Amino acid sequence: MTGNQENQEGQGNQTTQGPKHKRNVTRRKVVMAGGAAVAAVGVGATVAATANAGQTSTTKGKSPTASPTSTSSETCYKLTSETTEGPYYIDADKIRQDITEDREGIPLTLRLKVIDNETCKPIRNAAVDIWHCDALGLYSGYEDSSTGGGGGTPPTGTPTDVPTGTPTGSPPEGGGGGAGHQEPTDDKRYLRGTWRTDKQGFVTFKTVFPGWYRGRCVHIHTKVHVSGTWTDAGYEGGNTCHTGQFFFDEESVLASAEVEPYSTSTTERTTLTEDTIYDQSGTAGGLLKLKYKKNGIAKGVTGTITMGVDPEATHDGTDDAVQPGASASASASASAG
């Protein structure tokens, strides 16, 4: 299985065809095992485009604190918030930077940087996964189970075939509820991809602005894998040091909602402040810095952020833990996607 390959600065001895994504079976079993939300282990992620914003002075073994007198060599980033993996992650998939395929929507360029939060040094050759729903809320691989954003005119009138009796069995997972990984229900893989960071810790993806679905605000999922090996067969071994999500400010989401096909969605939208996964900490919790022309968002958006990670940690995002700021019931109902 191969993906569309693109040149990237600082990729070292990358082959022309590009590696297939392959992970060891032990880690794969852990990822597929399921689970809901994982509590945030710390906050932090600072926008790459504004190097001084959110920087703090760190000392090994001590909590980061602001230090206006620190030199640039002493300033660093806090850990980026960990979140749930959600049920729609597919491991060992597409090695590519352009993940758009045939999906319609506002063009989005996502430029990410991965650094060691303690040393401030960029992490090169890390494998970064991203995946998200399309403009109408559908996830590839799960079109039957993801809620989607609908479209057209909602049905009217009173249903004539009203079910009777008491429901039995467990409710279906997917959409706005359900915890734990689900197996794919179709072979589509749009809006999913993996690429490697360059020598400066940067990785860039081409995609579309995500839509929304029941119970969640607009977001993109991500994982960062380190300490593995890139070979002709793919990325092998290592550990998943970060599982998180990127978020979009309300102004940009409202602007996108005026553009087709987003404007055809009939699904009630969950706002950024209502979301139970986002921890309300701004860029520290994964809020992207977005750049686009005012009144011209349809022409394209650029999103940037720096992820401060602990390369020695393991965060698969599959632990059953309540998200920050959310009750147990609310966290469970919003853990999908």
C-alpha atoms as a PDB file:
ATOM      1  CA  MET A   1       0.000   0.000   0.000  1.00  0.00           C
ATOM      2  CA  THR A   2       1.564   3.238  -1.097  1.00  0.00           C
ATOM      3  CA  GLY A   3       0.550   6.901  -0.836  1.00  0.00           C
ATOM      4  CA  ASN A   4       1.138   9.935  -3.014  1.00  0.00           C
ATOM      5  CA  GLN A   5       4.672  11.055  -2.329  1.00  0.00           C
ATOM      6  CA  GLU A   6       5.804  14.680  -2.163  1.00  0.00           C
ATOM      7  CA  ASN A   7       9.254  16.158  -1.687  1.00  0.00           C
ATOM      8  CA  GLN A   8       9.992  17.634   1.718  1.00  0.00           C
ATOM      9  CA  GLU A   9      13.100  19.559   2.816  1.00  0.00           C
ATOM     10  CA  GLY A  10      15.378  17.741   5.220  1.00  0.00           C
ATOM     11  CA  GLN A  11      13.970  14.247   4.628  1.00  0.00           C
ATOM     12  CA  GLY A  12      17.376  12.577   4.533  1.00  0.00           C
ATOM     13  CA  ASN A  13      17.572   9.306   2.610  1.00  0.00           C
ATOM     14  CA  GLN A  14      13.902   9.090   1.728  1.00  0.00           C
ATOM     15  CA  THR A  15      13.213   6.815  -1.262  1.00  0.00           C
ATOM     16  CA  THR A  16      11.389   7.962  -4.380  1.00  0.00           C
ATOM     17  CA  GLN A  17       8.414   5.706  -3.806  1.00  0.00           C
ATOM     18  CA  GLY A  18       8.207   6.496  -0.122  1.00  0.00           C
ATOM     19  CA  PRO A  19       7.757   3.974   2.664  1.00  0.00           C
ATOM     20  CA  LYS A  20       4.602   2.136   3.447  1.00  0.00           C
ATOM     21  CA  HIS A  21       3.276   2.735   6.921  1.00  0.00           C
ATOM     22  CA  LYS A  22       4.053  -0.308   9.032  1.00  0.00           C
ATOM     23  CA  ARG A  23       4.151  -0.612  12.771  1.00  0.00           C
ATOM     24  CA  ASN A  24       5.054  -3.466  15.049  1.00  0.00           C
ATOM     25  CA  VAL A  25       2.221  -5.762  16.058  1.00  0.00           C
ATOM     26  CA  THR A  26       2.572  -5.084  19.783  1.00  0.00           C
ATOM     27  CA  ARG A  27       1.959  -1.328  19.449  1.00  0.00           C
ATOM     28  CA  ARG A  28      -0.781  -1.943  16.922  1.00  0.00           C
ATOM     29  CA  LYS A  29      -2.651  -4.159  19.386  1.00  0.00           C
ATOM     30  CA  VAL A  30      -2.391  -1.450  22.015  1.00  0.00           C
ATOM     31  CA  VAL A  31      -3.770   1.187  19.649  1.00  0.00           C
ATOM     32  CA  MET A  32      -6.634  -0.995  18.466  1.00  0.00           C
ATOM     33  CA  ALA A  33      -7.563  -2.110  21.988  1.00  0.00           C
ATOM     34  CA  GLY A  34      -9.983   0.799  22.420  1.00  0.00           C
ATOM     35  CA  GLY A  35     -10.741   3.113  25.311  1.00  0.00           C
ATOM     36  CA  ALA A  36     -12.186   6.547  25.721  1.00  0.00           C
ATOM     37  CA  ALA A  37     -10.665   9.816  26.802  1.00  0.00           C
ATOM     38  CA  VAL A  38      -7.283  10.322  28.409  1.00  0.00           C
ATOM     39  CA  ALA A  39      -6.708  13.052  30.957  1.00  0.00           C
ATOM     40  CA  ALA A  40      -4.428  15.891  29.949  1.00  0.00           C
ATOM     41  CA  VAL A  41      -0.922  15.435  31.326  1.00  0.00           C
ATOM     42  CA  GLY A  42      -0.031  19.052  30.877  1.00  0.00           C
ATOM     43  CA  VAL A  43      -0.763  22.008  28.719  1.00  0.00           C
ATOM     44  CA  GLY A  44       1.175  23.843  26.200  1.00  0.00           C
ATOM     45  CA  ALA A  45       1.708  24.062  22.372  1.00  0.00           C
ATOM     46  CA  THR A  46       2.788  27.356  21.054  1.00  0.00           C
ATOM     47  CA  VAL A  47       2.097  28.721  17.611  1.00  0.00           C
ATOM     48  CA  ALA A  48       5.089  28.318  15.335  1.00  0.00           C
ATOM     49  CA  ALA A  49       4.499  31.646  13.624  1.00  0.00           C
ATOM     50  CA  THR A  50       4.809  33.555  16.892  1.00  0.00           C
ATOM     51  CA  ALA A  51       7.928  32.177  18.543  1.00  0.00           C
ATOM     52  CA  ASN A  52       7.702  34.321  21.673  1.00  0.00           C
ATOM     53  CA  ALA A  53       4.050  33.635  22.476  1.00  0.00           C
ATOM     54  CA  GLY A  54       3.469  31.229  25.345  1.00  0.00           C
ATOM     55  CA  GLN A  55       7.156  30.482  25.942  1.00  0.00           C
ATOM     56  CA  THR A  56       8.272  29.637  29.431  1.00  0.00           C
ATOM     57  CA  SER A  57      11.496  28.985  31.242  1.00  0.00           C
ATOM     58  CA  THR A  58      11.930  25.350  32.251  1.00  0.00           C
ATOM     59  CA  THR A  59      14.298  23.609  34.629  1.00  0.00           C
ATOM     60  CA  LYS A  60      14.533  19.840  34.757  1.00  0.00           C
ATOM     61  CA  GLY A  61      12.382  18.542  37.595  1.00  0.00           C
ATOM     62  CA  LYS A  62      10.592  21.848  38.111  1.00  0.00           C
ATOM     63  CA  SER A  63       7.314  23.227  36.822  1.00  0.00           C
ATOM     64  CA  PRO A  64       7.640  25.700  33.926  1.00  0.00           C
ATOM     65  CA  THR A  65       7.194  29.320  34.947  1.00  0.00           C
ATOM     66  CA  ALA A  66       7.222  32.542  32.982  1.00  0.00           C
ATOM     67  CA  SER A  67      10.591  34.252  32.982  1.00  0.00           C
ATOM     68  CA  PRO A  68      10.715  37.581  31.151  1.00  0.00           C
ATOM     69  CA  THR A  69      14.479  37.859  31.800  1.00  0.00           C
ATOM     70  CA  SER A  70      15.310  34.476  30.302  1.00  0.00           C
ATOM     71  CA  THR A  71      17.449  34.323  27.186  1.00  0.00           C
ATOM     72  CA  SER A  72      16.189  32.609  24.054  1.00  0.00           C
ATOM     73  CA  SER A  73      18.287  29.533  24.898  1.00  0.00           C
ATOM     74  CA  GLU A  74      16.479  29.152  28.236  1.00  0.00           C
ATOM     75  CA  THR A  75      12.916  29.493  27.014  1.00  0.00           C
ATOM     76  CA  CYS A  76      10.876  26.474  26.051  1.00  0.00           C
ATOM     77  CA  TYR A  77       7.376  25.136  25.568  1.00  0.00           C
ATOM     78  CA  LYS A  78       5.146  23.262  27.964  1.00  0.00           C
ATOM     79  CA  LEU A  79       3.723  19.847  27.153  1.00  0.00           C
ATOM     80  CA  THR A  80       0.868  19.842  24.664  1.00  0.00           C
ATOM     81  CA  SER A  81      -2.458  18.579  26.052  1.00  0.00           C
ATOM     82  CA  GLU A  82      -3.231  14.904  25.527  1.00  0.00           C
ATOM     83  CA  THR A  83      -6.717  13.917  24.368  1.00  0.00           C
ATOM     84  CA  THR A  84      -8.677  10.839  23.404  1.00  0.00           C
ATOM     85  CA  GLU A  85      -7.814   8.950  20.231  1.00  0.00           C
ATOM     86  CA  GLY A  86     -11.509   8.543  19.394  1.00  0.00           C
ATOM     87  CA  PRO A  87     -13.046   5.555  17.598  1.00  0.00           C
ATOM     88  CA  TYR A  88     -12.025   6.413  14.027  1.00  0.00           C
ATOM     89  CA  TYR A  89      -8.235   6.032  13.998  1.00  0.00           C
ATOM     90  CA  ILE A  90      -6.771   3.760  11.308  1.00  0.00           C
ATOM     91  CA  ASP A  91      -3.160   2.742  11.795  1.00  0.00           C
ATOM     92  CA  ALA A  92      -0.746   1.789   8.973  1.00  0.00           C
ATOM     93  CA  ASP A  93      -2.508   3.722   6.266  1.00  0.00           C
ATOM     94  CA  LYS A  94      -1.430   6.459   3.809  1.00  0.00           C
ATOM     95  CA  ILE A  95       2.102   7.887   3.737  1.00  0.00           C
ATOM     96  CA  ARG A  96       1.392  11.246   2.119  1.00  0.00           C
ATOM     97  CA  GLN A  97       1.162  14.985   2.693  1.00  0.00           C
ATOM     98  CA  ASP A  98      -1.845  15.766   0.502  1.00  0.00           C
ATOM     99  CA  ILE A  99      -4.750  13.895   2.093  1.00  0.00           C
ATOM    100  CA  THR A 100      -7.589  15.683   0.283  1.00  0.00           C
ATOM    101  CA  GLU A 101      -8.446  13.097  -2.390  1.00  0.00           C
ATOM    102  CA  ASP A 102     -11.886  13.959  -3.819  1.00  0.00           C
ATOM    103  CA  ARG A 103     -13.253  15.826  -0.788  1.00  0.00           C
ATOM    104  CA  GLU A 104     -14.817  19.221  -1.409  1.00  0.00           C
ATOM    105  CA  GLY A 105     -14.182  22.057   0.998  1.00  0.00           C
ATOM    106  CA  ILE A 106     -12.071  25.062   1.878  1.00  0.00           C
ATOM    107  CA  PRO A 107      -8.375  24.323   1.184  1.00  0.00           C
ATOM    108  CA  LEU A 108      -6.382  24.000   4.406  1.00  0.00           C
ATOM    109  CA  THR A 109      -2.593  23.953   4.719  1.00  0.00           C
ATOM    110  CA  LEU A 110      -1.589  22.579   8.111  1.00  0.00           C
ATOM    111  CA  ARG A 111       1.989  23.374   9.155  1.00  0.00           C
ATOM    112  CA  LEU A 112       3.049  21.634  12.356  1.00  0.00           C
ATOM    113  CA  LYS A 113       6.248  21.666  14.362  1.00  0.00           C
ATOM    114  CA  VAL A 114       7.273  18.997  16.863  1.00  0.00           C
ATOM    115  CA  ILE A 115       9.805  19.775  19.588  1.00  0.00           C
ATOM    116  CA  ASP A 116      11.103  18.214  22.785  1.00  0.00           C
ATOM    117  CA  ASN A 117       9.365  20.298  25.434  1.00  0.00           C
ATOM    118  CA  GLU A 118      12.293  20.013  27.848  1.00  0.00           C
ATOM    119  CA  THR A 119      15.259  20.691  25.565  1.00  0.00           C
ATOM    120  CA  CYS A 120      13.373  22.852  23.031  1.00  0.00           C
ATOM    121  CA  LYS A 121      15.111  20.974  20.218  1.00  0.00           C
ATOM    122  CA  PRO A 122      13.119  20.012  17.123  1.00  0.00           C
ATOM    123  CA  ILE A 123      12.328  16.326  16.743  1.00  0.00           C
ATOM    124  CA  ARG A 124      13.274  15.146  13.280  1.00  0.00           C
ATOM    125  CA  ASN A 125      12.046  12.017  11.473  1.00  0.00           C
ATOM    126  CA  ALA A 126       9.014  11.668  13.740  1.00  0.00           C
ATOM    127  CA  ALA A 127       5.939  10.103  12.125  1.00  0.00           C
ATOM    128  CA  VAL A 128       2.964  12.461  12.412  1.00  0.00           C
ATOM    129  CA  ASP A 129      -0.574  11.172  11.750  1.00  0.00           C
ATOM    130  CA  ILE A 130      -3.576  13.408  11.115  1.00  0.00           C
ATOM    131  CA  TRP A 131      -7.183  12.454  10.397  1.00  0.00           C
ATOM    132  CA  HIS A 132     -10.509  14.291  10.449  1.00  0.00           C
ATOM    133  CA  CYS A 133     -14.043  14.361   9.080  1.00  0.00           C
ATOM    134  CA  ASP A 134     -15.044  15.969   5.798  1.00  0.00           C
ATOM    135  CA  ALA A 135     -17.091  19.137   5.291  1.00  0.00           C
ATOM    136  CA  LEU A 136     -20.312  17.291   6.201  1.00  0.00           C
ATOM    137  CA  GLY A 137     -18.985  15.384   9.196  1.00  0.00           C
ATOM    138  CA  LEU A 138     -18.157  12.002   7.633  1.00  0.00           C
ATOM    139  CA  TYR A 139     -15.011  10.006   8.431  1.00  0.00           C
ATOM    140  CA  SER A 140     -13.456   7.852   5.736  1.00  0.00           C
ATOM    141  CA  GLY A 141     -13.499   4.196   6.665  1.00  0.00           C
ATOM    142  CA  TYR A 142     -16.564   4.838   8.839  1.00  0.00           C
ATOM    143  CA  GLU A 143     -19.153   6.480   6.620  1.00  0.00           C
ATOM    144  CA  ASP A 144     -21.869   4.134   7.934  1.00  0.00           C
ATOM    145  CA  SER A 145     -21.152   4.782  11.597  1.00  0.00           C
ATOM    146  CA  SER A 146     -19.988   8.398  11.705  1.00  0.00           C
ATOM    147  CA  THR A 147     -22.904  10.784  12.075  1.00  0.00           C
ATOM    148  CA  GLY A 148     -22.179  13.164   9.243  1.00  0.00           C
ATOM    149  CA  GLY A 149     -23.586  16.648   8.829  1.00  0.00           C
ATOM    150  CA  GLY A 150     -26.610  15.811   6.734  1.00  0.00           C
ATOM    151  CA  GLY A 151     -27.660  18.185   4.021  1.00  0.00           C
ATOM    152  CA  GLY A 152     -30.735  19.483   2.296  1.00  0.00           C
ATOM    153  CA  THR A 153     -34.046  20.058   4.062  1.00  0.00           C
ATOM    154  CA  PRO A 154     -34.828  18.191   7.292  1.00  0.00           C
ATOM    155  CA  PRO A 155     -37.827  15.832   7.059  1.00  0.00           C
ATOM    156  CA  THR A 156     -41.194  17.172   8.174  1.00  0.00           C
ATOM    157  CA  GLY A 157     -44.391  15.611   9.415  1.00  0.00           C
ATOM    158  CA  THR A 158     -45.068  12.944  12.025  1.00  0.00           C
ATOM    159  CA  PRO A 159     -43.607   9.446  11.578  1.00  0.00           C
ATOM    160  CA  THR A 160     -46.258   6.759  11.174  1.00  0.00           C
ATOM    161  CA  ASP A 161     -44.164   3.720  12.060  1.00  0.00           C
ATOM    162  CA  VAL A 162     -43.459   4.339  15.725  1.00  0.00           C
ATOM    163  CA  PRO A 163     -41.344   1.579  17.337  1.00  0.00           C
ATOM    164  CA  THR A 164     -42.737  -0.131  20.402  1.00  0.00           C
ATOM    165  CA  GLY A 165     -41.268  -2.147  23.215  1.00  0.00           C
ATOM    166  CA  THR A 166     -38.058  -1.700  25.179  1.00  0.00           C
ATOM    167  CA  PRO A 167     -34.748  -1.526  23.333  1.00  0.00           C
ATOM    168  CA  THR A 168     -32.320  -4.329  24.106  1.00  0.00           C
ATOM    169  CA  GLY A 169     -28.557  -4.612  23.778  1.00  0.00           C
ATOM    170  CA  SER A 170     -25.941  -1.887  23.800  1.00  0.00           C
ATOM    171  CA  PRO A 171     -26.421   1.344  21.882  1.00  0.00           C
ATOM    172  CA  PRO A 172     -24.372   1.662  18.679  1.00  0.00           C
ATOM    173  CA  GLU A 173     -21.076   3.480  18.848  1.00  0.00           C
ATOM    174  CA  GLY A 174     -20.111   6.385  16.610  1.00  0.00           C
ATOM    175  CA  GLY A 175     -21.289   9.872  15.833  1.00  0.00           C
ATOM    176  CA  GLY A 176     -21.476  11.917  19.001  1.00  0.00           C
ATOM    177  CA  GLY A 177     -21.117   9.061  21.447  1.00  0.00           C
ATOM    178  CA  GLY A 178     -19.379   5.810  22.065  1.00  0.00           C
ATOM    179  CA  ALA A 179     -15.939   5.148  23.445  1.00  0.00           C
ATOM    180  CA  GLY A 180     -13.295   2.817  22.126  1.00  0.00           C
ATOM    181  CA  HIS A 181     -11.871   2.021  18.739  1.00  0.00           C
ATOM    182  CA  GLN A 182     -14.128   0.764  15.967  1.00  0.00           C
ATOM    183  CA  GLU A 183     -13.074  -1.394  13.052  1.00  0.00           C
ATOM    184  CA  PRO A 184     -13.423   0.317   9.636  1.00  0.00           C
ATOM    185  CA  THR A 185     -16.647  -0.341   7.739  1.00  0.00           C
ATOM    186  CA  ASP A 186     -15.431   0.716   4.273  1.00  0.00           C
ATOM    187  CA  ASP A 187     -12.223   1.009   2.230  1.00  0.00           C
ATOM    188  CA  LYS A 188     -12.195   4.790   1.798  1.00  0.00           C
ATOM    189  CA  ARG A 189      -9.250   6.682   3.259  1.00  0.00           C
ATOM    190  CA  TYR A 190      -9.736  10.368   2.403  1.00  0.00           C
ATOM    191  CA  LEU A 191      -8.555  13.005   4.888  1.00  0.00           C
ATOM    192  CA  ARG A 192      -6.040  10.642   6.507  1.00  0.00           C
ATOM    193  CA  GLY A 193      -2.291  10.620   6.206  1.00  0.00           C
ATOM    194  CA  THR A 194       1.138  10.271   7.792  1.00  0.00           C
ATOM    195  CA  TRP A 195       4.357  12.136   7.054  1.00  0.00           C
ATOM    196  CA  ARG A 196       7.753  12.640   8.663  1.00  0.00           C
ATOM    197  CA  THR A 197       9.134  15.772  10.300  1.00  0.00           C
ATOM    198  CA  ASP A 198      12.149  17.438   8.694  1.00  0.00           C
ATOM    199  CA  LYS A 199      15.404  18.376  10.423  1.00  0.00           C
ATOM    200  CA  GLN A 200      13.731  21.467  11.891  1.00  0.00           C
ATOM    201  CA  GLY A 201      10.803  19.455  13.260  1.00  0.00           C
ATOM    202  CA  PHE A 202       8.303  20.703  10.660  1.00  0.00           C
ATOM    203  CA  VAL A 203       5.714  18.713   8.747  1.00  0.00           C
ATOM    204  CA  THR A 204       3.116  20.112   6.332  1.00  0.00           C
ATOM    205  CA  PHE A 205      -0.199  18.607   5.210  1.00  0.00           C
ATOM    206  CA  LYS A 206      -2.659  19.673   2.520  1.00  0.00           C
ATOM    207  CA  THR A 207      -6.295  18.990   3.342  1.00  0.00           C
ATOM    208  CA  VAL A 208      -9.673  20.746   3.673  1.00  0.00           C
ATOM    209  CA  PHE A 209     -11.221  22.667   6.545  1.00  0.00           C
ATOM    210  CA  PRO A 210     -13.139  20.080   8.634  1.00  0.00           C
ATOM    211  CA  GLY A 211     -16.897  20.229   9.144  1.00  0.00           C
ATOM    212  CA  TRP A 212     -18.789  19.299  12.306  1.00  0.00           C
ATOM    213  CA  TYR A 213     -21.038  16.575  13.621  1.00  0.00           C
ATOM    214  CA  ARG A 214     -23.231  15.923  16.653  1.00  0.00           C
ATOM    215  CA  GLY A 215     -21.537  16.458  20.003  1.00  0.00           C
ATOM    216  CA  ARG A 216     -18.170  17.841  18.859  1.00  0.00           C
ATOM    217  CA  CYS A 217     -16.710  21.148  17.790  1.00  0.00           C
ATOM    218  CA  VAL A 218     -14.595  21.395  14.637  1.00  0.00           C
ATOM    219  CA  HIS A 219     -11.299  19.541  15.151  1.00  0.00           C
ATOM    220  CA  ILE A 220      -8.467  17.470  13.665  1.00  0.00           C
ATOM    221  CA  HIS A 221      -6.896  14.426  15.316  1.00  0.00           C
ATOM    222  CA  THR A 222      -3.141  13.852  15.498  1.00  0.00           C
ATOM    223  CA  LYS A 223      -0.569  11.373  16.754  1.00  0.00           C
ATOM    224  CA  VAL A 224       3.202  11.722  16.990  1.00  0.00           C
ATOM    225  CA  HIS A 225       5.375   8.577  16.862  1.00  0.00           C
ATOM    226  CA  VAL A 226       9.078   8.758  17.746  1.00  0.00           C
ATOM    227  CA  SER A 227      12.124   6.516  18.253  1.00  0.00           C
ATOM    228  CA  GLY A 228      11.093   4.272  15.376  1.00  0.00           C
ATOM    229  CA  THR A 229      12.867   3.616  12.088  1.00  0.00           C
ATOM    230  CA  TRP A 230      11.938   4.784   8.583  1.00  0.00           C
ATOM    231  CA  THR A 231      12.705   2.054   6.052  1.00  0.00           C
ATOM    232  CA  ASP A 232      11.542   1.091   2.576  1.00  0.00           C
ATOM    233  CA  ALA A 233       8.823  -0.913   4.333  1.00  0.00           C
ATOM    234  CA  GLY A 234       7.554   2.059   6.313  1.00  0.00           C
ATOM    235  CA  TYR A 235       7.836   3.346   9.875  1.00  0.00           C
ATOM    236  CA  GLU A 236       8.583   0.603  12.363  1.00  0.00           C
ATOM    237  CA  GLY A 237       8.834   0.384  16.144  1.00  0.00           C
ATOM    238  CA  GLY A 238       9.091   3.363  18.445  1.00  0.00           C
ATOM    239  CA  ASN A 239       6.416   4.791  20.709  1.00  0.00           C
ATOM    240  CA  THR A 240       3.434   7.107  20.372  1.00  0.00           C
ATOM    241  CA  CYS A 241       4.557  10.064  22.467  1.00  0.00           C
ATOM    242  CA  HIS A 242       1.532  12.262  21.774  1.00  0.00           C
ATOM    243  CA  THR A 243      -2.152  11.858  20.940  1.00  0.00           C
ATOM    244  CA  GLY A 244      -4.049  15.105  20.607  1.00  0.00           C
ATOM    245  CA  GLN A 245      -6.479  17.242  18.668  1.00  0.00           C
ATOM    246  CA  PHE A 246      -6.296  20.608  16.910  1.00  0.00           C
ATOM    247  CA  PHE A 247      -9.123  23.113  17.263  1.00  0.00           C
ATOM    248  CA  PHE A 248     -10.518  26.074  15.302  1.00  0.00           C
ATOM    249  CA  ASP A 249     -11.661  29.429  16.665  1.00  0.00           C
ATOM    250  CA  GLU A 250     -15.345  30.320  16.427  1.00  0.00           C
ATOM    251  CA  GLU A 251     -14.816  33.201  14.002  1.00  0.00           C
ATOM    252  CA  SER A 252     -13.241  30.940  11.406  1.00  0.00           C
ATOM    253  CA  VAL A 253     -15.871  28.227  11.861  1.00  0.00           C
ATOM    254  CA  LEU A 254     -18.719  30.712  11.432  1.00  0.00           C
ATOM    255  CA  ALA A 255     -17.032  32.026   8.295  1.00  0.00           C
ATOM    256  CA  SER A 256     -16.679  28.496   6.901  1.00  0.00           C
ATOM    257  CA  ALA A 257     -20.358  27.815   7.589  1.00  0.00           C
ATOM    258  CA  GLU A 258     -21.252  30.402   4.931  1.00  0.00           C
ATOM    259  CA  VAL A 259     -19.413  28.431   2.242  1.00  0.00           C
ATOM    260  CA  GLU A 260     -20.685  25.343   0.410  1.00  0.00           C
ATOM    261  CA  PRO A 261     -20.774  22.468   1.196  1.00  0.00           C
ATOM    262  CA  TYR A 262     -20.557  23.445   4.895  1.00  0.00           C
ATOM    263  CA  SER A 263     -23.613  25.692   4.484  1.00  0.00           C
ATOM    264  CA  THR A 264     -25.760  22.686   3.527  1.00  0.00           C
ATOM    265  CA  SER A 265     -25.255  20.945   6.870  1.00  0.00           C
ATOM    266  CA  THR A 266     -28.378  20.584   8.992  1.00  0.00           C
ATOM    267  CA  THR A 267     -26.535  19.285  12.058  1.00  0.00           C
ATOM    268  CA  GLU A 268     -26.588  21.407  15.192  1.00  0.00           C
ATOM    269  CA  ARG A 269     -23.054  22.618  15.859  1.00  0.00           C
ATOM    270  CA  THR A 270     -21.216  22.304  19.176  1.00  0.00           C
ATOM    271  CA  THR A 271     -19.190  25.457  19.848  1.00  0.00           C
ATOM    272  CA  LEU A 272     -15.589  25.574  21.037  1.00  0.00           C
ATOM    273  CA  THR A 273     -16.642  26.575  24.558  1.00  0.00           C
ATOM    274  CA  GLU A 274     -19.232  23.776  24.703  1.00  0.00           C
ATOM    275  CA  ASP A 275     -16.874  21.009  23.613  1.00  0.00           C
ATOM    276  CA  THR A 276     -15.938  18.490  26.322  1.00  0.00           C
ATOM    277  CA  ILE A 277     -12.611  17.449  24.782  1.00  0.00           C
ATOM    278  CA  TYR A 278     -11.038  20.883  24.238  1.00  0.00           C
ATOM    279  CA  ASP A 279      -9.654  22.050  27.595  1.00  0.00           C
ATOM    280  CA  GLN A 280     -10.256  25.780  26.932  1.00  0.00           C
ATOM    281  CA  SER A 281      -6.554  26.646  27.257  1.00  0.00           C
ATOM    282  CA  GLY A 282      -6.059  28.260  23.860  1.00  0.00           C
ATOM    283  CA  THR A 283      -2.962  27.211  21.943  1.00  0.00           C
ATOM    284  CA  ALA A 284      -1.931  25.257  25.027  1.00  0.00           C
ATOM    285  CA  GLY A 285      -4.835  22.903  24.359  1.00  0.00           C
ATOM    286  CA  GLY A 286      -4.359  22.634  20.598  1.00  0.00           C
ATOM    287  CA  LEU A 287      -6.013  25.807  19.284  1.00  0.00           C
ATOM    288  CA  LEU A 288      -4.539  26.511  15.849  1.00  0.00           C
ATOM    289  CA  LYS A 289      -3.370  29.908  14.683  1.00  0.00           C
ATOM    290  CA  LEU A 290      -5.294  30.455  11.450  1.00  0.00           C
ATOM    291  CA  LYS A 291      -4.524  32.821   8.609  1.00  0.00           C
ATOM    292  CA  TYR A 292      -6.926  33.647   5.775  1.00  0.00           C
ATOM    293  CA  LYS A 293      -8.250  36.663   3.914  1.00  0.00           C
ATOM    294  CA  LYS A 294     -11.117  38.408   5.661  1.00  0.00           C
ATOM    295  CA  ASN A 295     -14.370  37.707   3.823  1.00  0.00           C
ATOM    296  CA  GLY A 296     -12.382  35.343   1.625  1.00  0.00           C
ATOM    297  CA  ILE A 297     -11.998  32.169   3.667  1.00  0.00           C
ATOM    298  CA  ALA A 298     -13.192  30.094   0.700  1.00  0.00           C
ATOM    299  CA  LYS A 299      -9.867  30.780  -1.017  1.00  0.00           C
ATOM    300  CA  GLY A 300      -7.932  28.885   1.634  1.00  0.00           C
ATOM    301  CA  VAL A 301      -6.669  28.780   5.214  1.00  0.00           C
ATOM    302  CA  THR A 302      -3.241  28.171   6.742  1.00  0.00           C
ATOM    303  CA  GLY A 303      -3.073  26.697  10.245  1.00  0.00           C
ATOM    304  CA  THR A 304       0.096  26.533  12.368  1.00  0.00           C
ATOM    305  CA  ILE A 305       1.012  25.232  15.797  1.00  0.00           C
ATOM    306  CA  THR A 306       4.018  23.848  17.691  1.00  0.00           C
ATOM    307  CA  MET A 307       3.595  20.642  19.667  1.00  0.00           C
ATOM    308  CA  GLY A 308       5.771  20.300  22.760  1.00  0.00           C
ATOM    309  CA  VAL A 309       6.074  16.565  23.481  1.00  0.00           C
ATOM    310  CA  ASP A 310       7.957  14.242  25.798  1.00  0.00           C
ATOM    311  CA  PRO A 311       9.676  11.804  23.416  1.00  0.00           C
ATOM    312  CA  GLU A 312      10.184   9.263  26.198  1.00  0.00           C
ATOM    313  CA  ALA A 313       6.488   9.121  27.127  1.00  0.00           C
ATOM    314  CA  THR A 314       3.767   6.898  25.706  1.00  0.00           C
ATOM    315  CA  HIS A 315       0.354   8.446  25.059  1.00  0.00           C
ATOM    316  CA  ASP A 316      -1.800   6.239  22.839  1.00  0.00           C
ATOM    317  CA  GLY A 317      -5.003   8.107  23.756  1.00  0.00           C
ATOM    318  CA  THR A 318      -6.844   4.892  24.563  1.00  0.00           C
ATOM    319  CA  ASP A 319      -7.088   5.141  28.360  1.00  0.00           C
ATOM    320  CA  ASP A 320     -10.527   5.376  29.960  1.00  0.00           C
ATOM    321  CA  ALA A 321     -10.198   8.762  31.605  1.00  0.00           C
ATOM    322  CA  VAL A 322     -12.410  11.811  31.882  1.00  0.00           C
ATOM    323  CA  GLN A 323     -11.398  14.810  29.779  1.00  0.00           C
ATOM    324  CA  PRO A 324     -10.442  18.057  31.528  1.00  0.00           C
ATOM    325  CA  GLY A 325     -13.438  20.128  32.503  1.00  0.00           C
ATOM    326  CA  ALA A 326     -15.932  17.401  31.633  1.00  0.00           C
ATOM    327  CA  SER A 327     -18.149  15.163  33.724  1.00  0.00           C
ATOM    328  CA  ALA A 328     -17.809  11.406  33.233  1.00  0.00           C
ATOM    329  CA  SER A 329     -21.102  11.211  31.349  1.00  0.00           C
ATOM    330  CA  ALA A 330     -20.335  14.193  29.159  1.00  0.00           C
ATOM    331  CA  SER A 331     -16.890  12.899  28.349  1.00  0.00           C
ATOM    332  CA  ALA A 332     -18.249   9.525  27.342  1.00  0.00           C
ATOM    333  CA  SER A 333     -20.934  11.068  25.122  1.00  0.00           C
ATOM    334  CA  ALA A 334     -18.423  13.220  23.249  1.00  0.00           C
ATOM    335  CA  SER A 335     -15.450  10.876  22.965  1.00  0.00           C
ATOM    336  CA  ALA A 336     -16.232   9.748  19.441  1.00  0.00           C
ATOM    337  CA  GLY A 337     -14.146  11.347  16.726  1.00  0.00           C
END
